[in-house]
């Protein structure tokens, strides 16, 4: 389970009912958290006074991001803050816990390439995940506090355009009465805003690059809380798939979501997915981030990498347009729409983009001059071809061809309702007729 910013999931939305003890515990945690927020507000006022003293003395932090950005701490230049909060369920020493982190970017408003970045741990994860928008608000507060600590006077911070956080911050909407934690966070955020000479909340239009970088920073903050050192000095981390403790440097990081899975689990997962023609996505529960072949050099062999690239190419071409060269030494995948016409007088003739072989687009065999596809199938040239030999063997074994993509499929067990492994076409294994809306269009018995 993961919660990104405003996508925090309430317990009631998960369909779970808290017991009396669990409810009391969560209520106590909320009370403690709100007390902490009140204390932080007081600490913030004291910190402002201390910061004023330090500024007068010229005692800037050695890690001041303004120095990285090329600005002095007394400059009234406007900066931009991007933030992402993330809470994830992690396995730590045989125990499953919620762990939180935030990713923060502070950029020059005139040049986004000039930026300073950091990540921080988020605390009180149970409380945050029980309230929508709380995770995102907590990350923004951390970001503003970070900027203020280093002398930023004018700032713009961004809220996801698909979140209600911006409406809360600008006063266009108010959180539900029961969301006391969110109200407290908004109050703390408002207090922080008064510490700047200018502090403006703006909508963040979708930016995959920024979002991916922020998620990585937040995941790194979480990872820093999930590792520990064994007696032999090796830093280890639990794998969320097999729950084994493995060296932290023996884990694969999925680009996009930055989930960390041990090498062994990833190798098994890739092998199984390629064998079953399953979509190659992050194996972490609920995650849809795609695995990129270029990232898998350490966990996949050359043949698997080549197959991953081929499957990726298949996904980019519509099933009805997929064409494979009939030359067994070539067999490259092509899109029918992109194939050059050999001769306008021969509408079905096409030329392979790889080996140059001329073939028939209709029957996917070598070009048969002056013969229709049906006539060609009666010739010795066809009956001796590898395709004909394979089709004959497939028929003897009771295998069938999918009517949409013409790939051969096998029913290992179960009823007659089949779904093609290659194009997901649903049909009756007995007669080949299509199934529509999970119902047969034929009168064949569905039972074995």
Protein backbone atom coordinates (compact mmCIF):
# COMPACT_ATOMS: atom_id res chain seq x y z
CA UNK A 1 0.00 0.00 0.00
CA UNK A 2 1.27 3.47 -0.87
CA UNK A 3 -0.07 6.93 -0.38
CA UNK A 4 1.14 9.70 -2.69
CA UNK A 5 0.37 13.22 -1.51
CA UNK A 6 -3.36 13.83 -1.64
CA UNK A 7 -4.07 10.22 -2.51
CA UNK A 8 -3.97 9.12 1.10
CA UNK A 9 -6.59 6.45 1.79
CA UNK A 10 -8.88 6.63 4.79
CA UNK A 11 -9.48 3.43 6.72
CA UNK A 12 -13.18 3.58 5.93
CA UNK A 13 -12.40 3.87 2.21
CA UNK A 14 -10.42 0.66 2.38
CA UNK A 15 -13.51 -1.08 3.71
CA UNK A 16 -11.87 -1.78 7.06
CA UNK A 17 -13.59 -1.21 10.37
CA UNK A 18 -11.35 -0.26 13.24
CA UNK A 19 -11.89 -2.11 16.50
CA UNK A 20 -12.58 -0.13 19.66
CA UNK A 21 -8.95 -0.50 20.79
CA UNK A 22 -7.58 0.43 17.36
CA UNK A 23 -9.87 3.44 17.17
CA UNK A 24 -8.81 4.59 20.63
CA UNK A 25 -5.15 4.13 19.71
CA UNK A 26 -5.54 6.14 16.51
CA UNK A 27 -7.41 8.86 18.43
CA UNK A 28 -4.58 9.03 20.97
CA UNK A 29 -2.01 9.25 18.16
CA UNK A 30 -4.00 12.08 16.56
CA UNK A 31 -4.12 13.96 19.86
CA UNK A 32 -0.36 13.56 20.33
CA UNK A 33 0.27 14.61 16.74
CA UNK A 34 -1.83 17.77 17.13
CA UNK A 35 -0.01 18.59 20.36
CA UNK A 36 3.24 18.20 18.44
CA UNK A 37 1.95 20.57 15.74
CA UNK A 38 1.12 23.19 18.39
CA UNK A 39 4.60 22.81 19.85
CA UNK A 40 6.16 23.10 16.40
CA UNK A 41 4.27 26.36 15.87
CA UNK A 42 5.78 27.74 19.09
CA UNK A 43 9.21 26.45 18.12
CA UNK A 44 8.82 28.11 14.74
CA UNK A 45 8.28 31.53 16.32
CA UNK A 46 11.39 31.05 18.44
CA UNK A 47 13.33 29.87 15.39
CA UNK A 48 12.32 33.04 13.54
CA UNK A 49 13.79 35.17 16.28
CA UNK A 50 16.98 33.07 16.29
CA UNK A 51 17.24 33.26 12.51
CA UNK A 52 16.99 37.04 12.70
CA UNK A 53 19.92 37.10 15.11
CA UNK A 54 22.02 34.80 12.93
CA UNK A 55 21.31 36.84 9.82
CA UNK A 56 22.57 39.94 11.57
CA UNK A 57 25.75 38.08 12.54
CA UNK A 58 26.15 36.64 9.03
CA UNK A 59 26.08 33.04 10.29
CA UNK A 60 24.52 31.30 7.27
CA UNK A 61 24.29 27.50 7.16
CA UNK A 62 27.15 25.73 5.42
CA UNK A 63 24.51 23.73 3.50
CA UNK A 64 22.54 26.78 2.43
CA UNK A 65 20.77 25.97 -0.86
CA UNK A 66 20.89 29.63 -1.84
CA UNK A 67 24.66 29.30 -2.25
CA UNK A 68 24.08 26.36 -4.59
CA UNK A 69 21.60 28.46 -6.54
CA UNK A 70 24.03 31.35 -6.70
CA UNK A 71 22.00 33.76 -4.56
CA UNK A 72 22.79 35.40 -1.27
CA UNK A 73 20.58 34.81 1.77
CA UNK A 74 19.68 38.53 1.90
CA UNK A 75 18.38 38.52 -1.67
CA UNK A 76 14.63 39.00 -2.16
CA UNK A 77 14.71 36.80 -5.25
CA UNK A 78 11.66 34.52 -5.69
CA UNK A 79 12.17 30.76 -5.41
CA UNK A 80 9.90 27.84 -6.32
CA UNK A 81 9.21 24.86 -4.08
CA UNK A 82 8.12 21.46 -5.38
CA UNK A 83 7.23 18.75 -2.87
CA UNK A 84 5.96 15.16 -2.74
CA UNK A 85 4.90 13.21 0.33
CA UNK A 86 4.83 9.42 0.32
CA UNK A 87 3.88 6.81 2.91
CA UNK A 88 4.60 3.17 2.14
CA UNK A 89 4.09 -0.15 3.90
CA UNK A 90 7.57 -1.63 4.43
CA UNK A 91 9.03 -4.73 6.08
CA UNK A 92 11.60 -3.91 8.78
CA UNK A 93 13.17 -6.73 10.78
CA UNK A 94 10.25 -9.15 10.26
CA UNK A 95 7.72 -6.44 11.12
CA UNK A 96 5.46 -4.56 8.69
CA UNK A 97 5.36 -0.82 9.34
CA UNK A 98 4.21 2.38 7.66
CA UNK A 99 7.20 4.52 6.73
CA UNK A 100 7.01 8.03 5.30
CA UNK A 101 9.27 10.40 3.43
CA UNK A 102 9.16 13.62 1.43
CA UNK A 103 11.03 14.80 -1.65
CA UNK A 104 11.76 18.53 -1.97
CA UNK A 105 13.07 20.77 -4.78
CA UNK A 106 13.94 24.45 -4.34
CA UNK A 107 14.44 26.12 -7.72
CA UNK A 108 15.38 29.50 -9.14
CA UNK A 109 12.13 30.96 -10.52
CA UNK A 110 13.99 32.19 -13.59
CA UNK A 111 15.91 28.97 -14.25
CA UNK A 112 14.54 25.58 -13.10
CA UNK A 113 17.85 23.93 -13.99
CA UNK A 114 19.34 25.67 -10.95
CA UNK A 115 17.96 23.78 -7.99
CA UNK A 116 18.73 22.38 -4.59
CA UNK A 117 17.10 19.16 -3.43
CA UNK A 118 16.66 17.21 -0.22
CA UNK A 119 14.48 14.55 1.38
CA UNK A 120 13.15 14.13 4.88
CA UNK A 121 11.39 11.50 6.94
CA UNK A 122 7.67 11.95 7.63
CA UNK A 123 6.54 10.97 11.10
CA UNK A 124 3.13 9.92 12.52
CA UNK A 125 2.39 7.86 9.41
CA UNK A 126 -0.70 6.20 10.92
CA UNK A 127 -2.28 9.60 11.56
CA UNK A 128 -1.34 11.01 8.14
CA UNK A 129 -2.69 8.04 6.18
CA UNK A 130 -6.02 8.23 8.04
CA UNK A 131 -6.71 11.67 6.54
CA UNK A 132 -6.76 12.62 2.84
CA UNK A 133 -4.37 15.40 1.83
CA UNK A 134 -2.45 15.17 5.13
CA UNK A 135 0.62 13.59 3.52
CA UNK A 136 0.83 16.27 0.85
CA UNK A 137 0.36 19.08 3.38
CA UNK A 138 3.04 17.64 5.67
CA UNK A 139 5.50 17.59 2.74
CA UNK A 140 4.73 21.22 1.82
CA UNK A 141 5.25 22.27 5.45
CA UNK A 142 8.60 20.49 5.53
CA UNK A 143 9.59 22.22 2.29
CA UNK A 144 8.61 25.72 3.46
CA UNK A 145 10.39 25.18 6.78
CA UNK A 146 13.50 24.04 4.87
CA UNK A 147 13.39 27.14 2.64
CA UNK A 148 12.78 29.47 5.57
CA UNK A 149 15.63 27.96 7.55
CA UNK A 150 18.01 28.92 4.76
CA UNK A 151 16.90 32.50 4.40
CA UNK A 152 14.38 32.39 1.55
CA UNK A 153 12.11 35.46 1.73
CA UNK A 154 9.93 35.14 -1.38
CA UNK A 155 8.59 31.77 -2.52
CA UNK A 156 6.02 30.04 -4.70
CA UNK A 157 4.98 26.50 -3.76
CA UNK A 158 3.09 24.11 -5.99
CA UNK A 159 0.17 21.80 -5.28
CA UNK A 160 -0.93 18.95 -7.57
CA UNK A 161 -3.59 20.21 -9.96
CA UNK A 162 -5.73 17.12 -9.31
CA UNK A 163 -5.69 17.68 -5.54
CA UNK A 164 -7.98 19.76 -3.33
CA UNK A 165 -4.98 20.97 -1.30
CA UNK A 166 -4.72 24.17 -3.37
CA UNK A 167 -8.36 25.01 -2.63
CA UNK A 168 -7.75 24.42 1.07
CA UNK A 169 -4.65 26.63 1.12
CA UNK A 170 -6.26 29.48 -0.85
CA UNK A 171 -9.47 29.34 1.18
CA UNK A 172 -11.71 28.25 -1.71
CA UNK A 173 -12.68 25.13 0.23
CA UNK A 174 -12.57 23.94 3.82
CA UNK A 175 -11.68 20.44 5.03
CA UNK A 176 -14.46 18.28 6.53
CA UNK A 177 -15.15 18.92 10.21
CA UNK A 178 -13.87 15.47 11.15
CA UNK A 179 -10.49 16.14 9.49
CA UNK A 180 -9.04 17.90 12.54
CA UNK A 181 -5.47 16.90 11.64
CA UNK A 182 -5.81 18.48 8.17
CA UNK A 183 -7.17 21.67 9.77
CA UNK A 184 -4.19 21.77 12.15
CA UNK A 185 -1.76 21.26 9.28
CA UNK A 186 -3.43 24.09 7.33
CA UNK A 187 -3.12 26.33 10.37
CA UNK A 188 0.60 25.54 10.65
CA UNK A 189 1.02 26.13 6.91
CA UNK A 190 -0.71 29.51 7.20
CA UNK A 191 1.63 30.47 10.05
CA UNK A 192 4.66 29.53 7.93
CA UNK A 193 3.36 31.65 5.05
CA UNK A 194 3.38 34.77 7.23
CA UNK A 195 7.12 34.29 7.75
CA UNK A 196 7.84 35.12 4.09
CA UNK A 197 7.61 38.55 2.49
CA UNK A 198 5.78 36.76 -0.34
CA UNK A 199 4.39 33.21 -0.31
CA UNK A 200 2.12 32.09 -3.13
CA UNK A 201 0.40 28.73 -3.71
CA UNK A 202 0.09 27.69 -7.37
CA UNK A 203 -1.29 24.66 -9.26
CA UNK A 204 1.31 22.22 -10.57
CA UNK A 205 0.49 21.10 -14.06
CA UNK A 206 1.57 17.51 -14.64
CA UNK A 207 5.33 17.18 -15.13
CA UNK A 208 6.53 13.58 -15.30
CA UNK A 209 10.19 14.56 -14.88
CA UNK A 210 9.59 16.62 -11.73
CA UNK A 211 7.15 14.09 -10.29
CA UNK A 212 9.51 11.16 -10.89
CA UNK A 213 12.44 12.98 -9.30
CA UNK A 214 10.38 13.94 -6.24
CA UNK A 215 9.12 10.38 -5.82
CA UNK A 216 12.72 9.11 -5.97
CA UNK A 217 13.74 11.53 -3.24
CA UNK A 218 10.78 10.48 -1.09
CA UNK A 219 11.54 6.78 -1.67
CA UNK A 220 15.18 7.42 -0.70
CA UNK A 221 13.97 8.98 2.54
CA UNK A 222 11.88 5.87 3.19
CA UNK A 223 14.77 3.54 2.28
CA UNK A 224 17.02 5.34 4.78
CA UNK A 225 14.59 4.25 7.52
CA UNK A 226 14.29 0.61 6.42
CA UNK A 227 17.94 -0.47 6.47
CA UNK A 228 19.97 -1.68 9.43
CA UNK A 229 23.43 -3.08 10.05
CA UNK A 230 23.99 -6.75 10.86
CA UNK A 231 26.58 -7.94 13.34
CA UNK A 232 28.98 -8.60 10.46
CA UNK A 233 28.74 -4.94 9.46
CA UNK A 234 26.68 -5.52 6.28
CA UNK A 235 23.84 -3.05 5.75
CA UNK A 236 20.70 -5.07 4.93
CA UNK A 237 17.13 -4.35 3.89
CA UNK A 238 14.07 -6.60 3.73
CA UNK A 239 12.61 -7.46 0.33
CA UNK A 240 8.87 -6.72 0.15
CA UNK A 241 8.32 -9.75 -2.10
CA UNK A 242 10.15 -12.62 -0.35
CA UNK A 243 10.61 -10.89 3.06
CA UNK A 244 14.25 -12.00 3.16
CA UNK A 245 16.91 -9.67 4.55
CA UNK A 246 19.35 -8.94 1.72
CA UNK A 247 22.31 -6.56 1.37
CA UNK A 248 21.04 -3.09 0.46
CA UNK A 249 23.25 -3.05 -2.64
CA UNK A 250 21.69 -6.32 -3.87
CA UNK A 251 18.32 -4.77 -4.61
CA UNK A 252 16.88 -3.62 -7.91
CA UNK A 253 15.22 -0.19 -8.07
CA UNK A 254 12.29 0.14 -10.47
CA UNK A 255 12.56 3.43 -12.31
CA UNK A 256 9.38 5.49 -12.12
CA UNK A 257 8.13 4.24 -8.74
CA UNK A 258 11.56 3.48 -7.22
CA UNK A 259 10.37 0.37 -5.39
CA UNK A 260 13.29 -1.79 -4.30
CA UNK A 261 13.10 -5.55 -4.91
CA UNK A 262 15.89 -8.10 -4.35
CA UNK A 263 17.73 -9.34 -7.44
CA UNK A 264 16.59 -12.95 -6.99
CA UNK A 265 12.89 -12.05 -6.85
CA UNK A 266 13.26 -9.80 -9.89
CA UNK A 267 14.98 -12.54 -11.92
CA UNK A 268 12.22 -15.02 -11.10
CA UNK A 269 9.54 -12.44 -11.85
CA UNK A 270 11.00 -11.52 -15.26
CA UNK A 271 11.40 -15.19 -16.24
CA UNK A 272 7.83 -15.99 -15.24
CA UNK A 273 6.38 -12.87 -16.93
CA UNK A 274 8.16 -13.52 -20.22
CA UNK A 275 7.09 -17.17 -20.18
CA UNK A 276 3.45 -16.25 -19.61
CA UNK A 277 3.53 -13.16 -21.81
CA UNK A 278 2.43 -11.07 -18.84
CA UNK A 279 2.91 -7.33 -18.87
CA UNK A 280 6.27 -6.41 -17.33
CA UNK A 281 5.45 -4.00 -14.53
CA UNK A 282 6.76 -3.46 -11.01
CA UNK A 283 5.96 -6.59 -8.93
CA UNK A 284 5.13 -4.53 -5.84
CA UNK A 285 1.43 -4.96 -4.98
CA UNK A 286 -0.76 -2.41 -6.74
CA UNK A 287 2.07 -0.72 -8.63
CA UNK A 288 1.76 -0.20 -12.41
CA UNK A 289 5.20 1.23 -13.24
CA UNK A 290 6.65 -0.43 -16.32
CA UNK A 291 9.99 -2.24 -16.27
CA UNK A 292 12.41 -0.78 -18.80
CA UNK A 293 14.76 -3.24 -20.58
CA UNK A 294 17.61 -0.73 -20.32
CA UNK A 295 17.40 -0.90 -16.50
CA UNK A 296 17.52 -4.70 -16.30
CA UNK A 297 21.08 -5.48 -17.45
CA UNK A 298 22.09 -6.80 -14.01
CA UNK A 299 19.10 -9.11 -13.56
CA UNK A 300 18.24 -10.40 -17.05
CA UNK A 301 20.35 -12.37 -19.55
CA UNK A 302 20.84 -11.14 -23.15
CA UNK A 303 18.06 -13.38 -24.54
CA UNK A 304 15.60 -12.08 -21.95
CA UNK A 305 16.57 -8.49 -22.65
CA UNK A 306 16.05 -9.02 -26.38
CA UNK A 307 12.65 -10.58 -25.68
CA UNK A 308 11.72 -7.67 -23.41
CA UNK A 309 12.53 -5.23 -26.23
CA UNK A 310 10.46 -7.32 -28.65
CA UNK A 311 7.48 -7.42 -26.26
CA UNK A 312 7.77 -3.67 -25.81
CA UNK A 313 7.63 -3.26 -29.59
CA UNK A 314 4.58 -5.53 -29.73
CA UNK A 315 2.77 -3.37 -27.20
CA UNK A 316 3.39 -0.28 -29.34
CA UNK A 317 1.68 -1.85 -32.38
CA UNK A 318 -2.04 -2.54 -32.50
CA UNK A 319 -2.84 -6.26 -32.59
CA UNK A 320 -4.58 -5.98 -35.96
CA UNK A 321 -1.47 -4.33 -37.47
CA UNK A 322 1.18 -6.77 -36.20
CA UNK A 323 3.05 -8.62 -38.93
CA UNK A 324 6.04 -10.97 -38.58
CA UNK A 325 8.36 -11.70 -41.47
CA UNK A 326 7.69 -15.29 -42.72
CA UNK A 327 11.43 -15.84 -43.23
CA UNK A 328 12.44 -18.01 -40.22
CA UNK A 329 15.91 -16.44 -40.24
CA UNK A 330 14.39 -12.97 -39.87
CA UNK A 331 10.94 -13.07 -38.19
CA UNK A 332 11.08 -9.39 -37.24
CA UNK A 333 7.93 -7.66 -36.03
CA UNK A 334 6.52 -4.90 -38.24
CA UNK A 335 3.43 -2.72 -38.45
CA UNK A 336 1.31 -3.47 -41.50
CA UNK A 337 0.59 0.23 -41.91
CA UNK A 338 4.26 1.07 -42.26
CA UNK A 339 5.14 -1.55 -44.90
CA UNK A 340 5.92 -0.29 -48.42
CA UNK A 341 3.73 -1.52 -51.28
CA UNK A 342 5.84 -3.57 -53.71
CA UNK A 343 3.69 -2.88 -56.74
CA UNK A 344 0.36 -0.99 -57.00
CA UNK A 345 -0.83 -3.80 -59.29
CA UNK A 346 -0.18 -6.30 -56.47
CA UNK A 347 -2.22 -4.87 -53.54
CA UNK A 348 -1.36 -7.70 -51.12
CA UNK A 349 2.39 -7.77 -51.74
CA UNK A 350 4.69 -6.27 -49.12
CA UNK A 351 8.44 -6.18 -48.49
CA UNK A 352 10.09 -7.06 -45.18
CA UNK A 353 11.89 -4.10 -43.65
CA UNK A 354 14.57 -6.43 -42.29
CA UNK A 355 15.57 -9.02 -44.89
CA UNK A 356 13.75 -7.61 -47.93
CA UNK A 357 11.62 -10.74 -48.52
CA UNK A 358 8.42 -10.16 -50.50
CA UNK A 359 5.40 -11.70 -48.76
CA UNK A 360 1.63 -11.70 -48.81
CA UNK A 361 -0.01 -9.42 -46.26
CA UNK A 362 -3.17 -11.54 -46.25
CA UNK A 363 -1.84 -15.05 -45.56
CA UNK A 364 1.56 -13.95 -44.14
CA UNK A 365 3.44 -16.30 -46.49
CA UNK A 366 6.06 -15.67 -49.18
CA UNK A 367 4.57 -13.85 -52.13
CA UNK A 368 2.66 -16.21 -54.46
CA UNK A 369 2.61 -14.65 -57.93
CA UNK A 370 -0.63 -15.11 -59.92
CA UNK A 371 -2.12 -17.34 -57.17
CA UNK A 372 -4.75 -16.54 -54.59
CA UNK A 373 -4.02 -17.44 -50.97
CA UNK A 374 -6.39 -20.44 -51.20
CA UNK A 375 -4.73 -21.66 -54.40
CA UNK A 376 -1.26 -21.24 -52.91
CA UNK A 377 -2.18 -23.44 -49.90
CA UNK A 378 -2.75 -26.32 -52.33
CA UNK A 379 0.72 -26.12 -53.88
CA UNK A 380 3.77 -28.19 -52.89
CA UNK A 381 5.61 -24.97 -52.10
CA UNK A 382 3.17 -24.37 -49.24
CA UNK A 383 2.77 -27.97 -48.02
CA UNK A 384 6.56 -28.27 -47.67
CA UNK A 385 6.94 -24.93 -45.93
CA UNK A 386 7.73 -24.67 -42.23
CA UNK A 387 4.39 -22.92 -41.63
CA UNK A 388 2.42 -25.82 -43.13
CA UNK A 389 4.42 -28.42 -41.18
CA UNK A 390 3.86 -26.51 -37.94
CA UNK A 391 0.13 -26.05 -38.63
CA UNK A 392 -0.26 -29.77 -39.34
CA UNK A 393 1.53 -30.69 -36.10
CA UNK A 394 -0.60 -28.19 -34.18
CA UNK A 395 -3.81 -29.70 -35.56
CA UNK A 396 -2.71 -33.19 -34.53
CA UNK A 397 -2.13 -31.92 -31.00
CA UNK A 398 -5.53 -30.25 -30.92
CA UNK A 399 -4.14 -26.70 -30.90
CA UNK A 400 -6.17 -23.85 -32.37
CA UNK A 401 -5.43 -20.54 -34.07
CA UNK A 402 -6.72 -17.25 -32.77
CA UNK A 403 -8.91 -15.70 -35.46
CA UNK A 404 -7.71 -12.20 -34.70
CA UNK A 405 -3.90 -12.52 -34.61
CA UNK A 406 -3.57 -16.04 -36.12
CA UNK A 407 -1.26 -17.15 -33.31
CA UNK A 408 -1.48 -20.75 -32.14
CA UNK A 409 -2.90 -21.27 -28.65
CA UNK A 410 -3.35 -24.30 -26.43
CA UNK A 411 -5.99 -25.01 -23.81
CA UNK A 412 -4.27 -26.77 -20.94
CA UNK A 413 -7.38 -27.20 -18.81
CA UNK A 414 -10.72 -25.63 -17.93
CA UNK A 415 -13.73 -24.66 -20.03
CA UNK A 416 -13.98 -23.73 -23.72
CA UNK A 417 -13.83 -19.99 -23.01
CA UNK A 418 -10.35 -18.93 -24.15
CA UNK A 419 -8.44 -15.66 -24.02
CA UNK A 420 -5.59 -15.42 -26.52
CA UNK A 421 -2.26 -14.99 -24.73
CA UNK A 422 -1.01 -12.71 -27.49
CA UNK A 423 -3.88 -10.34 -28.35
CA UNK A 424 -6.39 -11.02 -25.52
CA UNK A 425 -9.12 -11.96 -28.03
CA UNK A 426 -11.83 -14.04 -26.32
CA UNK A 427 -13.26 -17.00 -28.22
CA UNK A 428 -14.71 -20.51 -28.05
CA UNK A 429 -11.92 -23.08 -28.21
CA UNK A 430 -14.25 -25.54 -29.93
CA UNK A 431 -15.41 -23.50 -32.93
CA UNK A 432 -13.37 -20.28 -32.73
CA UNK A 433 -16.36 -17.93 -32.51
CA UNK A 434 -15.94 -14.78 -30.44
CA UNK A 435 -17.11 -14.35 -26.86
CA UNK A 436 -18.76 -10.97 -26.26
CA UNK A 437 -19.34 -9.46 -22.82
CA UNK A 438 -18.09 -12.74 -21.29
CA UNK A 439 -20.79 -14.71 -23.14
CA UNK A 440 -20.44 -17.13 -26.11
CA UNK A 441 -21.89 -16.29 -29.54
CA UNK A 442 -22.05 -20.00 -30.42
CA UNK A 443 -24.05 -22.94 -29.09
CA UNK A 444 -21.06 -25.07 -28.11
CA UNK A 445 -21.05 -26.48 -24.59
CA UNK A 446 -18.77 -24.43 -22.31
CA UNK A 447 -18.01 -27.37 -20.04
CA UNK A 448 -15.12 -29.76 -20.73
